[in-house]
Amino acid sequence: MVTNSLALGIFTGVSVYEAESLERDRKIVELERALFRKLDETTIARSARTATALTSLFNFLTPLASCTVTAFPFLITFLGILEVKSAALLSIAIALGTLFLAGTYLGRLGKRNPWIKGSRMLAFGILAFIIGYWIEKII
């Protein structure tokens, strides 16, 4: 889980950085053309670089935070509080709950029905779990 989350974090962080920096650079060039001046060391350029770096950082940290939350029940098994099977079920419940909450948040943010967005995210999470379970059974 940790290795996959780290790899996903690096991949998404770098990908988002590249895409965001290209998009923001393009917008700055358009603005420079409209203003007939360079904006290299202005607040606009610095803000664009900061926003790109922060967006990339959050995209890097998101899979790691998700891994930490879902792996927590397994860490408790080392203390003898939970059995492995119970930890797995709790981890799945936490992951699906997190997906639902993220969907409802995105629904509210996008001024859509949060219950529908949350349910859709939950359905895709369940689908991903089922596919992963089937792949494990085949292998």
N, C-alpha and C. Protein backbone atom coordinates (compact mmCIF):
# COMPACT_ATOMS: atom_id res chain seq x y z
N MET A 1 0.82 -1.19 0.00
CA MET A 1 0.00 0.00 0.00
C MET A 1 0.87 1.26 0.00
N VAL A 2 1.89 1.25 0.82
CA VAL A 2 2.75 2.42 0.93
C VAL A 2 3.51 2.67 -0.38
N THR A 3 4.05 1.60 -0.95
CA THR A 3 4.81 1.74 -2.20
C THR A 3 3.91 2.24 -3.32
N ASN A 4 2.72 1.67 -3.45
CA ASN A 4 1.80 2.11 -4.49
C ASN A 4 1.37 3.55 -4.27
N SER A 5 1.11 3.93 -3.03
CA SER A 5 0.70 5.30 -2.74
C SER A 5 1.83 6.28 -3.04
N LEU A 6 3.04 5.91 -2.69
CA LEU A 6 4.18 6.78 -2.99
C LEU A 6 4.36 6.94 -4.49
N ALA A 7 4.27 5.83 -5.22
CA ALA A 7 4.41 5.90 -6.68
C ALA A 7 3.30 6.75 -7.29
N LEU A 8 2.07 6.55 -6.82
CA LEU A 8 0.95 7.33 -7.33
C LEU A 8 1.13 8.80 -6.99
N GLY A 9 1.59 9.09 -5.78
CA GLY A 9 1.82 10.47 -5.38
C GLY A 9 2.87 11.15 -6.24
N ILE A 10 3.97 10.46 -6.49
CA ILE A 10 5.01 11.04 -7.34
C ILE A 10 4.48 11.26 -8.75
N PHE A 11 3.81 10.25 -9.30
CA PHE A 11 3.29 10.36 -10.65
C PHE A 11 2.30 11.51 -10.77
N THR A 12 1.32 11.58 -9.86
CA THR A 12 0.32 12.64 -9.98
C THR A 12 0.93 14.01 -9.66
N GLY A 13 1.82 14.07 -8.69
CA GLY A 13 2.46 15.34 -8.37
C GLY A 13 3.24 15.91 -9.54
N VAL A 14 4.04 15.07 -10.18
CA VAL A 14 4.82 15.53 -11.33
C VAL A 14 3.92 15.85 -12.52
N SER A 15 2.93 15.00 -12.78
CA SER A 15 2.02 15.23 -13.90
C SER A 15 1.24 16.53 -13.73
N VAL A 16 0.73 16.75 -12.52
CA VAL A 16 -0.02 17.97 -12.26
C VAL A 16 0.90 19.18 -12.35
N TYR A 17 2.12 19.05 -11.86
CA TYR A 17 3.06 20.17 -11.96
C TYR A 17 3.30 20.55 -13.41
N GLU A 18 3.56 19.55 -14.24
CA GLU A 18 3.82 19.83 -15.66
C GLU A 18 2.61 20.46 -16.34
N ALA A 19 1.42 19.89 -16.12
CA ALA A 19 0.21 20.40 -16.76
C ALA A 19 -0.12 21.80 -16.25
N GLU A 20 -0.04 22.00 -14.95
CA GLU A 20 -0.36 23.32 -14.37
C GLU A 20 0.64 24.38 -14.83
N SER A 21 1.92 24.03 -14.85
CA SER A 21 2.91 25.04 -15.25
C SER A 21 2.74 25.41 -16.72
N LEU A 22 2.43 24.45 -17.57
CA LEU A 22 2.17 24.76 -18.97
C LEU A 22 0.95 25.67 -19.12
N GLU A 23 -0.11 25.34 -18.41
CA GLU A 23 -1.34 26.14 -18.50
C GLU A 23 -1.13 27.55 -17.96
N ARG A 24 -0.48 27.65 -16.83
CA ARG A 24 -0.26 28.98 -16.25
C ARG A 24 0.72 29.80 -17.08
N ASP A 25 1.75 29.16 -17.63
CA ASP A 25 2.67 29.87 -18.52
C ASP A 25 1.95 30.40 -19.75
N ARG A 26 1.05 29.57 -20.30
CA ARG A 26 0.28 29.99 -21.48
C ARG A 26 -0.57 31.21 -21.16
N LYS A 27 -1.21 31.22 -19.99
CA LYS A 27 -2.04 32.35 -19.60
C LYS A 27 -1.21 33.61 -19.38
N ILE A 28 -0.03 33.44 -18.81
CA ILE A 28 0.84 34.59 -18.59
C ILE A 28 1.31 35.17 -19.92
N VAL A 29 1.65 34.31 -20.88
CA VAL A 29 2.05 34.78 -22.21
C VAL A 29 0.91 35.56 -22.86
N GLU A 30 -0.31 35.07 -22.74
CA GLU A 30 -1.46 35.78 -23.29
C GLU A 30 -1.62 37.14 -22.63
N LEU A 31 -1.44 37.18 -21.32
CA LEU A 31 -1.54 38.44 -20.59
C LEU A 31 -0.42 39.39 -20.99
N GLU A 32 0.78 38.86 -21.17
CA GLU A 32 1.91 39.70 -21.60
C GLU A 32 1.64 40.32 -22.97
N ARG A 33 1.05 39.54 -23.85
CA ARG A 33 0.70 40.08 -25.19
C ARG A 33 -0.33 41.19 -25.06
N ALA A 34 -1.31 41.02 -24.20
CA ALA A 34 -2.35 42.03 -24.04
C ALA A 34 -1.81 43.29 -23.38
N LEU A 35 -0.85 43.14 -22.47
CA LEU A 35 -0.30 44.29 -21.74
C LEU A 35 0.93 44.90 -22.41
N PHE A 36 1.48 44.21 -23.42
CA PHE A 36 2.70 44.66 -24.11
C PHE A 36 3.88 44.83 -23.17
N ARG A 37 4.00 43.90 -22.20
CA ARG A 37 5.16 43.92 -21.31
C ARG A 37 5.37 42.54 -20.71
N LYS A 38 6.60 42.30 -20.28
CA LYS A 38 6.95 41.03 -19.63
C LYS A 38 6.47 41.05 -18.18
N LEU A 39 6.07 39.88 -17.70
CA LEU A 39 5.58 39.76 -16.32
C LEU A 39 6.44 38.82 -15.49
N ASP A 40 7.71 38.66 -15.89
CA ASP A 40 8.58 37.66 -15.27
C ASP A 40 8.68 37.78 -13.75
N GLU A 41 8.99 38.90 -13.21
CA GLU A 41 9.19 39.05 -11.76
C GLU A 41 8.08 39.86 -11.12
N THR A 42 6.87 39.64 -11.57
CA THR A 42 5.73 40.35 -11.00
C THR A 42 4.98 39.44 -10.02
N THR A 43 4.06 40.04 -9.31
CA THR A 43 3.22 39.27 -8.38
C THR A 43 2.42 38.20 -9.13
N ILE A 44 2.01 38.50 -10.33
CA ILE A 44 1.24 37.56 -11.14
C ILE A 44 2.06 36.30 -11.42
N ALA A 45 3.29 36.47 -11.84
CA ALA A 45 4.15 35.32 -12.16
C ALA A 45 4.50 34.54 -10.90
N ARG A 46 4.80 35.24 -9.81
CA ARG A 46 5.12 34.56 -8.55
C ARG A 46 3.90 33.80 -8.02
N SER A 47 2.74 34.38 -8.12
CA SER A 47 1.51 33.71 -7.68
C SER A 47 1.23 32.46 -8.51
N ALA A 48 1.49 32.54 -9.80
CA ALA A 48 1.29 31.39 -10.67
C ALA A 48 2.24 30.26 -10.29
N ARG A 49 3.49 30.59 -10.02
CA ARG A 49 4.45 29.56 -9.61
C ARG A 49 4.08 28.95 -8.26
N THR A 50 3.65 29.78 -7.32
CA THR A 50 3.26 29.29 -6.00
C THR A 50 2.04 28.38 -6.10
N ALA A 51 1.04 28.80 -6.89
CA ALA A 51 -0.17 27.99 -7.06
C ALA A 51 0.15 26.65 -7.71
N THR A 52 1.05 26.65 -8.68
CA THR A 52 1.46 25.41 -9.34
C THR A 52 2.14 24.48 -8.34
N ALA A 53 3.06 25.03 -7.55
CA ALA A 53 3.78 24.21 -6.57
C ALA A 53 2.83 23.65 -5.50
N LEU A 54 1.91 24.46 -5.01
CA LEU A 54 0.97 23.99 -3.98
C LEU A 54 0.02 22.92 -4.53
N THR A 55 -0.48 23.14 -5.73
CA THR A 55 -1.37 22.15 -6.34
C THR A 55 -0.64 20.83 -6.52
N SER A 56 0.59 20.89 -6.97
CA SER A 56 1.39 19.67 -7.15
C SER A 56 1.67 18.98 -5.82
N LEU A 57 1.97 19.76 -4.81
CA LEU A 57 2.24 19.20 -3.49
C LEU A 57 1.01 18.48 -2.94
N PHE A 58 -0.16 19.09 -3.05
CA PHE A 58 -1.37 18.45 -2.57
C PHE A 58 -1.68 17.17 -3.34
N ASN A 59 -1.41 17.19 -4.65
CA ASN A 59 -1.63 15.98 -5.45
C ASN A 59 -0.63 14.90 -5.09
N PHE A 60 0.54 15.26 -4.66
CA PHE A 60 1.54 14.29 -4.20
C PHE A 60 1.12 13.70 -2.85
N LEU A 61 0.64 14.55 -1.93
CA LEU A 61 0.34 14.11 -0.57
C LEU A 61 -0.99 13.36 -0.44
N THR A 62 -1.92 13.59 -1.35
CA THR A 62 -3.24 12.96 -1.23
C THR A 62 -3.20 11.44 -1.16
N PRO A 63 -2.50 10.75 -2.09
CA PRO A 63 -2.44 9.28 -1.97
C PRO A 63 -1.74 8.82 -0.69
N LEU A 64 -0.75 9.57 -0.23
CA LEU A 64 -0.05 9.20 1.00
C LEU A 64 -0.96 9.35 2.22
N ALA A 65 -1.75 10.41 2.25
CA ALA A 65 -2.68 10.60 3.35
C ALA A 65 -3.76 9.52 3.33
N SER A 66 -4.25 9.22 2.15
CA SER A 66 -5.26 8.16 2.02
C SER A 66 -4.70 6.82 2.48
N CYS A 67 -3.47 6.54 2.13
CA CYS A 67 -2.82 5.29 2.55
C CYS A 67 -2.68 5.24 4.07
N THR A 68 -2.30 6.35 4.66
CA THR A 68 -2.13 6.40 6.11
C THR A 68 -3.44 6.10 6.83
N VAL A 69 -4.52 6.69 6.35
CA VAL A 69 -5.83 6.50 6.98
C VAL A 69 -6.30 5.06 6.81
N THR A 70 -6.17 4.51 5.61
CA THR A 70 -6.67 3.15 5.38
C THR A 70 -5.74 2.08 5.95
N ALA A 71 -4.47 2.39 6.14
CA ALA A 71 -3.55 1.41 6.72
C ALA A 71 -3.57 1.40 8.25
N PHE A 72 -4.17 2.43 8.83
CA PHE A 72 -4.19 2.54 10.29
C PHE A 72 -4.75 1.30 10.98
N PRO A 73 -5.86 0.72 10.51
CA PRO A 73 -6.35 -0.50 11.18
C PRO A 73 -5.32 -1.64 11.20
N PHE A 74 -4.51 -1.72 10.14
CA PHE A 74 -3.48 -2.77 10.11
C PHE A 74 -2.37 -2.48 11.11
N LEU A 75 -2.09 -1.22 11.35
CA LEU A 75 -1.08 -0.87 12.35
C LEU A 75 -1.57 -1.26 13.75
N ILE A 76 -2.87 -1.18 13.96
CA ILE A 76 -3.44 -1.56 15.26
C ILE A 76 -3.30 -3.06 15.50
N THR A 77 -3.25 -3.85 14.43
CA THR A 77 -3.11 -5.31 14.62
C THR A 77 -1.79 -5.65 15.30
N PHE A 78 -0.77 -4.83 15.10
CA PHE A 78 0.52 -5.08 15.75
C PHE A 78 0.43 -4.92 17.27
N LEU A 79 -0.54 -4.14 17.72
CA LEU A 79 -0.75 -3.96 19.16
C LEU A 79 -1.65 -5.05 19.75
N GLY A 80 -2.19 -5.90 18.87
CA GLY A 80 -3.05 -6.97 19.33
C GLY A 80 -4.48 -6.55 19.60
N ILE A 81 -4.85 -5.34 19.18
CA ILE A 81 -6.21 -4.84 19.43
C ILE A 81 -7.21 -5.42 18.43
N LEU A 82 -6.76 -5.57 17.19
CA LEU A 82 -7.62 -6.08 16.12
C LEU A 82 -6.99 -7.31 15.48
N GLU A 83 -7.84 -8.17 14.96
CA GLU A 83 -7.35 -9.28 14.14
C GLU A 83 -7.20 -8.76 12.71
N VAL A 84 -6.44 -9.46 11.90
CA VAL A 84 -6.17 -9.02 10.55
C VAL A 84 -7.45 -8.90 9.73
N LYS A 85 -8.34 -9.88 9.85
CA LYS A 85 -9.59 -9.85 9.09
C LYS A 85 -10.43 -8.63 9.48
N SER A 86 -10.52 -8.35 10.76
CA SER A 86 -11.27 -7.17 11.22
C SER A 86 -10.61 -5.89 10.73
N ALA A 87 -9.28 -5.86 10.73
CA ALA A 87 -8.56 -4.69 10.24
C ALA A 87 -8.83 -4.47 8.76
N ALA A 88 -8.88 -5.56 8.00
CA ALA A 88 -9.16 -5.44 6.57
C ALA A 88 -10.56 -4.88 6.33
N LEU A 89 -11.54 -5.39 7.06
CA LEU A 89 -12.91 -4.90 6.90
C LEU A 89 -13.03 -3.43 7.32
N LEU A 90 -12.36 -3.07 8.41
CA LEU A 90 -12.37 -1.68 8.85
C LEU A 90 -11.68 -0.77 7.84
N SER A 91 -10.59 -1.24 7.28
CA SER A 91 -9.86 -0.47 6.28
C SER A 91 -10.72 -0.22 5.04
N ILE A 92 -11.43 -1.26 4.61
CA ILE A 92 -12.33 -1.11 3.46
C ILE A 92 -13.44 -0.11 3.77
N ALA A 93 -14.00 -0.21 4.96
CA ALA A 93 -15.07 0.71 5.36
C ALA A 93 -14.56 2.15 5.40
N ILE A 94 -13.37 2.35 5.93
CA ILE A 94 -12.77 3.69 5.98
C ILE A 94 -12.53 4.22 4.57
N ALA A 95 -11.99 3.39 3.70
CA ALA A 95 -11.72 3.82 2.32
C ALA A 95 -13.01 4.21 1.61
N LEU A 96 -14.04 3.38 1.73
CA LEU A 96 -15.31 3.68 1.07
C LEU A 96 -15.98 4.91 1.68
N GLY A 97 -15.88 5.05 3.00
CA GLY A 97 -16.42 6.24 3.65
C GLY A 97 -15.71 7.51 3.20
N THR A 98 -14.41 7.41 3.06
CA THR A 98 -13.62 8.55 2.59
C THR A 98 -14.02 8.93 1.17
N LEU A 99 -14.23 7.94 0.32
CA LEU A 99 -14.68 8.22 -1.05
C LEU A 99 -16.03 8.92 -1.05
N PHE A 100 -16.96 8.43 -0.22
CA PHE A 100 -18.27 9.06 -0.15
C PHE A 100 -18.16 10.51 0.32
N LEU A 101 -17.38 10.74 1.36
CA LEU A 101 -17.21 12.11 1.88
C LEU A 101 -16.54 13.02 0.85
N ALA A 102 -15.55 12.49 0.14
CA ALA A 102 -14.90 13.29 -0.91
C ALA A 102 -15.90 13.64 -2.01
N GLY A 103 -16.74 12.67 -2.37
CA GLY A 103 -17.75 12.93 -3.39
C GLY A 103 -18.76 13.98 -2.96
N THR A 104 -19.21 13.91 -1.70
CA THR A 104 -20.16 14.91 -1.22
C THR A 104 -19.52 16.29 -1.17
N TYR A 105 -18.25 16.34 -0.78
CA TYR A 105 -17.53 17.62 -0.77
C TYR A 105 -17.43 18.19 -2.18
N LEU A 106 -17.06 17.35 -3.15
CA LEU A 106 -16.96 17.81 -4.53
C LEU A 106 -18.32 18.24 -5.07
N GLY A 107 -19.37 17.54 -4.65
CA GLY A 107 -20.71 17.91 -5.06
C GLY A 107 -21.09 19.29 -4.54
N ARG A 108 -20.79 19.55 -3.29
CA ARG A 108 -21.08 20.87 -2.72
C ARG A 108 -20.22 21.95 -3.39
N LEU A 109 -18.96 21.62 -3.60
CA LEU A 109 -18.04 22.58 -4.21
C LEU A 109 -18.50 22.95 -5.62
N GLY A 110 -18.98 21.96 -6.38
CA GLY A 110 -19.44 22.19 -7.74
C GLY A 110 -20.89 22.58 -7.83
N LYS A 111 -21.53 22.86 -6.69
CA LYS A 111 -22.93 23.24 -6.63
C LYS A 111 -23.83 22.20 -7.30
N ARG A 112 -23.49 20.93 -7.07
CA ARG A 112 -24.28 19.78 -7.55
C ARG A 112 -24.89 19.09 -6.33
N ASN A 113 -25.68 18.07 -6.59
CA ASN A 113 -26.27 17.31 -5.50
C ASN A 113 -25.17 16.49 -4.81
N PRO A 114 -24.84 16.82 -3.55
CA PRO A 114 -23.73 16.13 -2.88
C PRO A 114 -24.01 14.64 -2.67
N TRP A 115 -25.27 14.26 -2.45
CA TRP A 115 -25.60 12.86 -2.23
C TRP A 115 -25.36 12.04 -3.49
N ILE A 116 -25.70 12.60 -4.64
CA ILE A 116 -25.48 11.89 -5.90
C ILE A 116 -23.99 11.76 -6.18
N LYS A 117 -23.25 12.84 -6.00
CA LYS A 117 -21.80 12.80 -6.23
C LYS A 117 -21.13 11.82 -5.26
N GLY A 118 -21.53 11.86 -3.99
CA GLY A 118 -20.96 10.95 -3.00
C GLY A 118 -21.28 9.51 -3.32
N SER A 119 -22.52 9.26 -3.71
CA SER A 119 -22.93 7.89 -4.07
C SER A 119 -22.19 7.40 -5.31
N ARG A 120 -21.97 8.28 -6.26
CA ARG A 120 -21.22 7.90 -7.47
C ARG A 120 -19.78 7.53 -7.13
N MET A 121 -19.15 8.34 -6.29
CA MET A 121 -17.78 8.03 -5.87
C MET A 121 -17.75 6.71 -5.12
N LEU A 122 -18.73 6.49 -4.26
CA LEU A 122 -18.81 5.24 -3.51
C LEU A 122 -19.00 4.05 -4.45
N ALA A 123 -19.86 4.21 -5.45
CA ALA A 123 -20.09 3.12 -6.41
C ALA A 123 -18.82 2.79 -7.18
N PHE A 124 -18.08 3.80 -7.59
CA PHE A 124 -16.82 3.54 -8.30
C PHE A 124 -15.79 2.89 -7.38
N GLY A 125 -15.79 3.27 -6.11
CA GLY A 125 -14.89 2.63 -5.15
C GLY A 125 -15.23 1.16 -4.96
N ILE A 126 -16.51 0.87 -4.86
CA ILE A 126 -16.95 -0.53 -4.72
C ILE A 126 -16.59 -1.31 -5.97
N LEU A 127 -16.80 -0.70 -7.14
CA LEU A 127 -16.45 -1.36 -8.41
C LEU A 127 -14.95 -1.65 -8.47
N ALA A 128 -14.13 -0.69 -8.07
CA ALA A 128 -12.68 -0.89 -8.06
C ALA A 128 -12.30 -2.01 -7.09
N PHE A 129 -12.94 -2.05 -5.94
CA PHE A 129 -12.67 -3.10 -4.97
C PHE A 129 -13.03 -4.48 -5.55
N ILE A 130 -14.20 -4.57 -6.18
CA ILE A 130 -14.64 -5.85 -6.77
C ILE A 130 -13.67 -6.30 -7.86
N ILE A 131 -13.26 -5.38 -8.72
CA ILE A 131 -12.32 -5.73 -9.79
C ILE A 131 -10.99 -6.20 -9.19
N GLY A 132 -10.50 -5.49 -8.19
CA GLY A 132 -9.26 -5.90 -7.53
C GLY A 132 -9.39 -7.25 -6.87
N TYR A 133 -10.53 -7.51 -6.25
CA TYR A 133 -10.78 -8.80 -5.60
C TYR A 133 -10.80 -9.92 -6.63
N TRP A 134 -11.46 -9.69 -7.76
CA TRP A 134 -11.50 -10.70 -8.83
C TRP A 134 -10.11 -10.97 -9.40
N ILE A 135 -9.33 -9.90 -9.59
CA ILE A 135 -7.98 -10.07 -10.12
C ILE A 135 -7.15 -10.92 -9.15
N GLU A 136 -7.29 -10.64 -7.85
CA GLU A 136 -6.56 -11.44 -6.85
C GLU A 136 -6.98 -12.90 -6.91
N LYS A 137 -8.24 -13.17 -7.09
CA LYS A 137 -8.73 -14.55 -7.14
C LYS A 137 -8.23 -15.27 -8.40
N ILE A 138 -8.12 -14.54 -9.50
CA ILE A 138 -7.63 -15.15 -10.75
C ILE A 138 -6.15 -15.47 -10.65
N ILE A 139 -5.40 -14.57 -10.07
CA ILE A 139 -3.94 -14.76 -9.97
C ILE A 139 -3.67 -15.73 -8.86
